[in-house]
């Protein structure tokens, strides 16, 4: 059987093709993660730590 590549498996092993953003807190770039798939447009922070740091300032 041949394996068929779907859109879900397109990025497997090809991290350089993932979309990136800049963190609002630490100004570092971060890549798309599967858990952010539904709300990627609203993601602002690279980590929980940055999210907490920004809200406490």
Protein backbone atom coordinates (compact mmCIF):
# COMPACT_ATOMS: atom_id res chain seq x y z
CA UNK A 1 0.00 0.00 0.00
CA UNK A 2 1.16 3.50 -0.78
CA UNK A 3 0.90 6.09 1.93
CA UNK A 4 -0.96 9.18 0.87
CA UNK A 5 0.31 12.50 2.20
CA UNK A 6 -2.47 14.66 3.51
CA UNK A 7 -2.37 18.24 4.62
CA UNK A 8 -2.00 17.10 8.25
CA UNK A 9 1.25 15.23 7.54
CA UNK A 10 2.76 17.81 5.18
CA UNK A 11 4.94 19.34 7.91
CA UNK A 12 6.21 16.06 9.37
CA UNK A 13 9.99 16.32 9.36
CA UNK A 14 9.97 19.67 7.55
CA UNK A 15 9.99 22.24 10.34
CA UNK A 16 11.46 25.02 8.18
CA UNK A 17 8.17 25.29 6.27
CA UNK A 18 6.05 25.99 9.38
CA UNK A 19 4.64 29.49 9.84
CA UNK A 20 6.41 31.65 12.42
CA UNK A 21 5.55 34.61 14.63
CA UNK A 22 7.45 36.92 16.99
CA UNK A 23 6.62 36.68 20.69
CA UNK A 24 5.11 39.88 22.10
CA UNK A 25 7.03 39.50 25.34
CA UNK A 26 10.54 38.21 24.57
CA UNK A 27 10.72 39.16 20.85
CA UNK A 28 11.91 35.67 19.86
CA UNK A 29 10.50 33.84 16.86
CA UNK A 30 8.40 30.74 17.44
CA UNK A 31 6.87 28.19 15.09
CA UNK A 32 3.37 26.87 14.63
CA UNK A 33 2.33 24.04 16.95
CA UNK A 34 -0.45 21.56 16.45
CA UNK A 35 -2.19 22.65 19.67
CA UNK A 36 -2.44 26.18 18.22
CA UNK A 37 -4.03 25.04 14.95
CA UNK A 38 -7.52 26.31 15.77
CA UNK A 39 -6.46 29.75 17.04
CA UNK A 40 -3.09 30.50 15.41
CA UNK A 41 -4.25 34.02 14.51
CA UNK A 42 -4.76 34.91 18.18
CA UNK A 43 -1.50 33.38 19.52
CA UNK A 44 0.79 36.16 20.79
CA UNK A 45 3.25 34.47 23.14
CA UNK A 46 5.77 31.67 22.61
CA UNK A 47 5.23 30.07 26.01
CA UNK A 48 3.11 30.07 29.13
CA UNK A 49 5.95 31.86 30.93
CA UNK A 50 5.85 34.77 28.48
CA UNK A 51 2.08 34.95 28.71
CA UNK A 52 2.26 35.20 32.52
CA UNK A 53 5.13 37.70 32.45
CA UNK A 54 3.26 40.02 30.09
CA UNK A 55 0.07 39.99 32.15
CA UNK A 56 1.95 40.74 35.40
CA UNK A 57 3.76 43.78 34.00
